[in-house]
Amino acid sequence: MIGDNLILLDKVDSTNNYIKKHWNELPSETVVWALEQTEGYGRKNSRWYSPLGGLWFSVLFKPRKRPLIPYYYLRMYSLVIYNVLKKKYKLNPVIKWPNDILINSKKVCGILGESVYNGGSPGCVIVGVGINVNNELPEEVSNSSIALKDLVGKEIALRKLLNELNHVAYHSYYLKYFKPKAISAITKLWLNHLNVKIGDRVQVSTENDGTLYGKVNDIQSDYLEIIDDNGEIKKLNSGELIVL
């Protein structure tokens, strides 16, 4: 089960980095949880402020008979966090394409997926999760981010939340959907809760193309297709998206 092997660290540079260094000797479904990260990061190596009070953890997947495609694992944890926040805490989260969780238009959670290759093929997938829970937010992100304690009016037990998330991930998604004929259902569920739909006008900031404006033409399993204001079709695998 996810989290049966739990490694708790007081402080580490990054839980994803820890697993990258030790993935070969660790069993699949190992969870590495750090009370504090000194060099937490998100997509494009953006810094993720990770002080005491937040929930910072990574999960190692290297199953023998299940798909090893990172975006399926990312979507699983997006759905898990969405459902736990909605059902247990009575909040109204949305999944922001491709892998953030927002409440009241503010980021409460970021999810990062990475692969380690072994001889040209993926040896494992690592999913890193950062949730603002009881931590204070620095002033520079306070307008765009929020912590769960400020939404529910009290502090939340981190270990209990971690166990619940991984229990739901394992029993409601991993065992049920991570099979060759069922895996595509993860994407369908994820699409249902995305903050962007086909036909929406969007602004997307990317590393290669700068800031694009256009209309969403298609949402596929691994890219977003937009028709920009010049009439060109762009396929985007990642980027900072705003629905206009």
Protein backbone atom coordinates (compact mmCIF):
# COMPACT_ATOMS: atom_id res chain seq x y z
CA MET A 1 0.00 0.00 0.00
CA ILE A 2 1.13 3.57 -0.64
CA GLY A 3 2.92 4.75 2.49
CA ASP A 4 3.49 1.38 4.14
CA ASN A 5 7.13 2.32 3.87
CA LEU A 6 7.23 5.87 5.25
CA ILE A 7 10.43 7.86 5.63
CA LEU A 8 10.04 10.96 7.82
CA LEU A 9 12.75 13.60 7.63
CA ASP A 10 13.04 16.69 9.78
CA LYS A 11 14.63 18.69 6.99
CA VAL A 12 15.79 17.92 3.44
CA ASP A 13 16.58 19.88 0.31
CA SER A 14 13.66 18.23 -1.55
CA THR A 15 11.73 15.00 -1.05
CA ASN A 16 11.82 14.43 -4.81
CA ASN A 17 15.61 14.77 -4.78
CA TYR A 18 15.83 12.33 -1.86
CA ILE A 19 13.94 9.69 -3.82
CA LYS A 20 16.01 10.35 -6.95
CA LYS A 21 19.12 9.46 -4.95
CA HIS A 22 17.66 6.31 -3.38
CA TRP A 23 14.94 5.08 -5.74
CA ASN A 24 16.77 1.90 -6.71
CA GLU A 25 16.90 0.48 -3.18
CA LEU A 26 13.49 1.71 -2.01
CA PRO A 27 10.32 -0.34 -2.53
CA SER A 28 7.58 0.92 -4.80
CA GLU A 29 4.94 3.08 -3.07
CA THR A 30 7.49 4.43 -0.58
CA VAL A 31 6.49 7.85 0.79
CA VAL A 32 9.13 10.39 1.83
CA TRP A 33 7.71 13.11 4.08
CA ALA A 34 9.75 16.12 5.21
CA LEU A 35 8.71 18.56 7.90
CA GLU A 36 10.69 21.22 6.07
CA GLN A 37 12.30 21.53 2.62
CA THR A 38 15.15 23.94 1.99
CA GLU A 39 15.07 23.71 -1.81
CA GLY A 40 11.52 22.66 -2.67
CA TYR A 41 10.66 23.23 -6.33
CA GLY A 42 7.82 23.02 -8.81
CA ARG A 43 7.52 23.06 -12.56
CA LYS A 44 10.37 24.80 -14.43
CA ASN A 45 12.36 24.57 -11.18
CA SER A 46 10.31 27.39 -9.66
CA ARG A 47 10.90 27.66 -5.92
CA TRP A 48 8.26 26.20 -3.62
CA TYR A 49 8.40 27.77 -0.18
CA SER A 50 8.32 24.77 2.19
CA PRO A 51 8.54 25.76 5.87
CA LEU A 52 7.35 23.95 8.97
CA GLY A 53 3.59 23.51 9.05
CA GLY A 54 3.03 22.52 5.43
CA LEU A 55 2.68 19.00 4.07
CA TRP A 56 5.63 18.20 1.80
CA PHE A 57 5.94 14.64 0.52
CA SER A 58 6.89 12.52 -2.47
CA VAL A 59 5.76 9.08 -3.56
CA LEU A 60 7.88 6.54 -5.45
CA PHE A 61 6.23 4.32 -8.06
CA LYS A 62 8.09 1.54 -9.82
CA PRO A 63 5.42 -1.15 -10.30
CA ARG A 64 6.18 -4.23 -12.35
CA LYS A 65 2.79 -4.59 -13.99
CA ARG A 66 1.36 -1.08 -14.04
CA PRO A 67 1.97 1.82 -16.48
CA LEU A 68 4.94 4.09 -15.73
CA ILE A 69 3.67 7.27 -17.39
CA PRO A 70 4.15 10.35 -15.16
CA TYR A 71 1.02 12.29 -16.06
CA TYR A 72 -1.28 9.48 -14.92
CA TYR A 73 0.25 9.62 -11.44
CA LEU A 74 0.03 13.43 -11.41
CA ARG A 75 -3.64 13.26 -12.31
CA MET A 76 -4.31 10.63 -9.70
CA TYR A 77 -2.98 12.87 -6.94
CA SER A 78 -4.82 15.89 -8.37
CA LEU A 79 -8.06 13.91 -8.09
CA VAL A 80 -7.20 12.56 -4.64
CA ILE A 81 -6.51 16.00 -3.20
CA TYR A 82 -9.54 17.48 -4.96
CA ASN A 83 -11.83 14.81 -3.47
CA VAL A 84 -10.43 14.88 0.07
CA LEU A 85 -10.65 18.67 0.26
CA LYS A 86 -14.19 18.63 -1.11
CA LYS A 87 -15.65 15.71 0.83
CA LYS A 88 -13.82 15.93 4.16
CA TYR A 89 -13.28 19.65 4.49
CA LYS A 90 -16.34 20.85 2.51
CA LEU A 91 -14.21 23.15 0.36
CA ASN A 92 -14.64 23.93 -3.33
CA PRO A 93 -11.32 23.18 -5.02
CA VAL A 94 -10.59 23.21 -8.73
CA ILE A 95 -7.77 21.57 -10.64
CA LYS A 96 -5.83 24.21 -12.53
CA TRP A 97 -4.25 22.84 -15.69
CA PRO A 98 -1.95 21.05 -15.55
CA ASN A 99 -1.32 20.22 -11.88
CA ASP A 100 -2.22 22.83 -9.26
CA ILE A 101 -5.13 22.83 -6.83
CA LEU A 102 -6.87 26.17 -6.30
CA ILE A 103 -9.43 27.31 -3.76
CA ASN A 104 -11.01 30.76 -4.16
CA SER A 105 -8.64 31.25 -7.12
CA LYS A 106 -5.60 30.83 -4.85
CA LYS A 107 -3.08 28.00 -4.93
CA VAL A 108 -3.27 25.60 -2.02
CA CYS A 109 -1.35 22.71 -3.58
CA GLY A 110 1.21 22.03 -6.27
CA ILE A 111 2.03 18.62 -7.72
CA LEU A 112 5.16 17.69 -9.66
CA GLY A 113 5.88 14.48 -11.56
CA GLU A 114 9.34 13.29 -12.56
CA SER A 115 10.84 10.15 -14.07
CA VAL A 116 14.20 8.50 -13.51
CA TYR A 117 15.43 6.57 -16.54
CA ASN A 118 17.29 3.31 -16.32
CA GLY A 119 18.96 2.10 -19.50
CA GLY A 120 16.80 4.23 -21.78
CA SER A 121 13.46 3.29 -20.23
CA PRO A 122 11.72 4.77 -17.18
CA GLY A 123 12.83 3.08 -13.97
CA CYS A 124 10.39 4.94 -11.75
CA VAL A 125 7.95 7.80 -11.46
CA ILE A 126 8.14 10.24 -8.54
CA VAL A 127 5.18 12.38 -7.56
CA GLY A 128 5.95 15.34 -5.31
CA VAL A 129 3.11 17.04 -3.44
CA GLY A 130 3.26 20.35 -1.61
CA ILE A 131 0.19 21.50 0.35
CA ASN A 132 -0.08 24.71 2.32
CA VAL A 133 -1.70 23.41 5.52
CA ASN A 134 -0.67 25.12 8.78
CA ASN A 135 2.25 27.14 7.45
CA GLU A 136 2.43 30.90 7.20
CA LEU A 137 2.79 32.24 3.66
CA PRO A 138 5.47 34.77 2.72
CA GLU A 139 4.19 38.17 1.68
CA GLU A 140 5.28 37.74 -1.94
CA VAL A 141 2.86 34.83 -2.50
CA SER A 142 0.08 35.73 -0.05
CA ASN A 143 -2.07 37.24 -2.81
CA SER A 144 -1.88 34.13 -4.98
CA SER A 145 -1.70 31.32 -2.40
CA ILE A 146 -3.67 30.20 0.66
CA ALA A 147 -3.27 27.70 3.52
CA LEU A 148 -5.88 25.16 4.59
CA LYS A 149 -5.91 26.40 8.21
CA ASP A 150 -7.12 29.78 7.01
CA LEU A 151 -9.95 28.13 5.07
CA VAL A 152 -11.19 25.76 7.76
CA GLY A 153 -10.44 27.98 10.76
CA LYS A 154 -8.15 25.56 12.60
CA GLU A 155 -4.89 23.66 12.28
CA ILE A 156 -4.96 20.23 10.64
CA ALA A 157 -3.01 17.15 11.77
CA LEU A 158 -0.41 16.60 9.06
CA ARG A 159 0.10 12.86 9.57
CA LYS A 160 -3.64 12.23 9.52
CA LEU A 161 -4.01 14.19 6.28
CA LEU A 162 -1.03 12.41 4.71
CA ASN A 163 -2.42 8.98 5.62
CA GLU A 164 -5.85 9.87 4.30
CA LEU A 165 -4.54 11.13 0.98
CA ASN A 166 -2.45 8.03 0.39
CA HIS A 167 -5.23 5.69 1.52
CA VAL A 168 -7.61 7.27 -1.00
CA ALA A 169 -4.93 7.23 -3.70
CA TYR A 170 -4.28 3.52 -3.22
CA HIS A 171 -7.78 2.16 -2.70
CA SER A 172 -9.89 4.50 -4.83
CA TYR A 173 -7.54 5.05 -7.77
CA TYR A 174 -4.33 3.01 -7.91
CA LEU A 175 -5.86 -0.44 -7.50
CA LYS A 176 -8.93 0.43 -9.56
CA TYR A 177 -7.57 2.32 -12.55
CA PHE A 178 -3.87 1.56 -12.97
CA LYS A 179 -4.44 -1.31 -15.37
CA PRO A 180 -3.92 -1.30 -19.15
CA LYS A 181 -7.64 -1.23 -19.99
CA ALA A 182 -8.70 1.19 -17.26
CA ILE A 183 -5.90 3.76 -17.07
CA SER A 184 -7.52 6.19 -19.54
CA ALA A 185 -10.39 6.70 -17.07
CA ILE A 186 -7.99 8.74 -14.90
CA THR A 187 -7.73 11.35 -17.65
CA LYS A 188 -11.50 11.48 -18.13
CA LEU A 189 -12.05 12.07 -14.41
CA TRP A 190 -9.31 14.72 -14.38
CA LEU A 191 -10.83 16.54 -17.35
CA ASN A 192 -14.18 16.76 -15.56
CA HIS A 193 -12.63 18.81 -12.74
CA LEU A 194 -10.25 21.02 -14.74
CA ASN A 195 -10.63 24.77 -14.54
CA VAL A 196 -10.46 25.02 -18.33
CA LYS A 197 -12.84 23.61 -20.95
CA ILE A 198 -12.83 23.40 -24.74
CA GLY A 199 -13.90 26.76 -26.14
CA ASP A 200 -12.52 28.83 -23.25
CA ARG A 201 -10.45 31.89 -24.07
CA VAL A 202 -7.12 31.67 -22.25
CA GLN A 203 -3.78 33.30 -21.66
CA VAL A 204 -0.85 30.87 -21.46
CA SER A 205 2.71 31.82 -20.54
CA THR A 206 5.32 29.35 -21.78
CA GLU A 207 9.11 29.15 -21.82
CA ASN A 208 9.39 28.73 -25.60
CA ASP A 209 6.57 30.88 -26.98
CA GLY A 210 6.20 33.60 -24.35
CA THR A 211 2.63 34.65 -23.57
CA LEU A 212 -0.07 33.38 -25.92
CA TYR A 213 -3.73 34.36 -26.19
CA GLY A 214 -6.27 32.15 -27.83
CA LYS A 215 -9.13 29.67 -27.58
CA VAL A 216 -8.85 26.11 -26.30
CA ASN A 217 -9.42 23.79 -29.23
CA ASP A 218 -8.68 20.44 -27.59
CA ILE A 219 -7.49 18.97 -24.29
CA GLN A 220 -5.62 15.72 -24.74
CA SER A 221 -4.01 13.34 -22.28
CA ASP A 222 -0.62 15.07 -22.48
CA TYR A 223 -1.13 18.48 -24.09
CA LEU A 224 -3.44 21.47 -24.43
CA GLU A 225 -4.21 22.63 -27.97
CA ILE A 226 -5.12 26.26 -28.51
CA ILE A 227 -5.81 28.37 -31.58
CA ASP A 228 -3.96 31.61 -30.94
CA ASP A 229 -5.08 35.06 -32.02
CA ASN A 230 -3.06 34.70 -35.24
CA GLY A 231 -5.03 31.59 -36.16
CA GLU A 232 -2.11 29.25 -35.49
CA ILE A 233 -2.60 25.96 -33.68
CA LYS A 234 -0.31 25.51 -30.68
CA LYS A 235 0.14 22.31 -28.69
CA LEU A 236 1.31 23.02 -25.15
CA ASN A 237 2.60 20.43 -22.69
CA SER A 238 2.95 22.92 -19.83
CA GLY A 239 2.61 26.58 -19.01
CA GLU A 240 0.99 29.09 -16.68
CA LEU A 241 -2.66 29.24 -17.74
CA ILE A 242 -5.30 31.87 -16.97
CA VAL A 243 -8.90 31.47 -18.13
CA LEU A 244 -10.08 34.87 -19.38
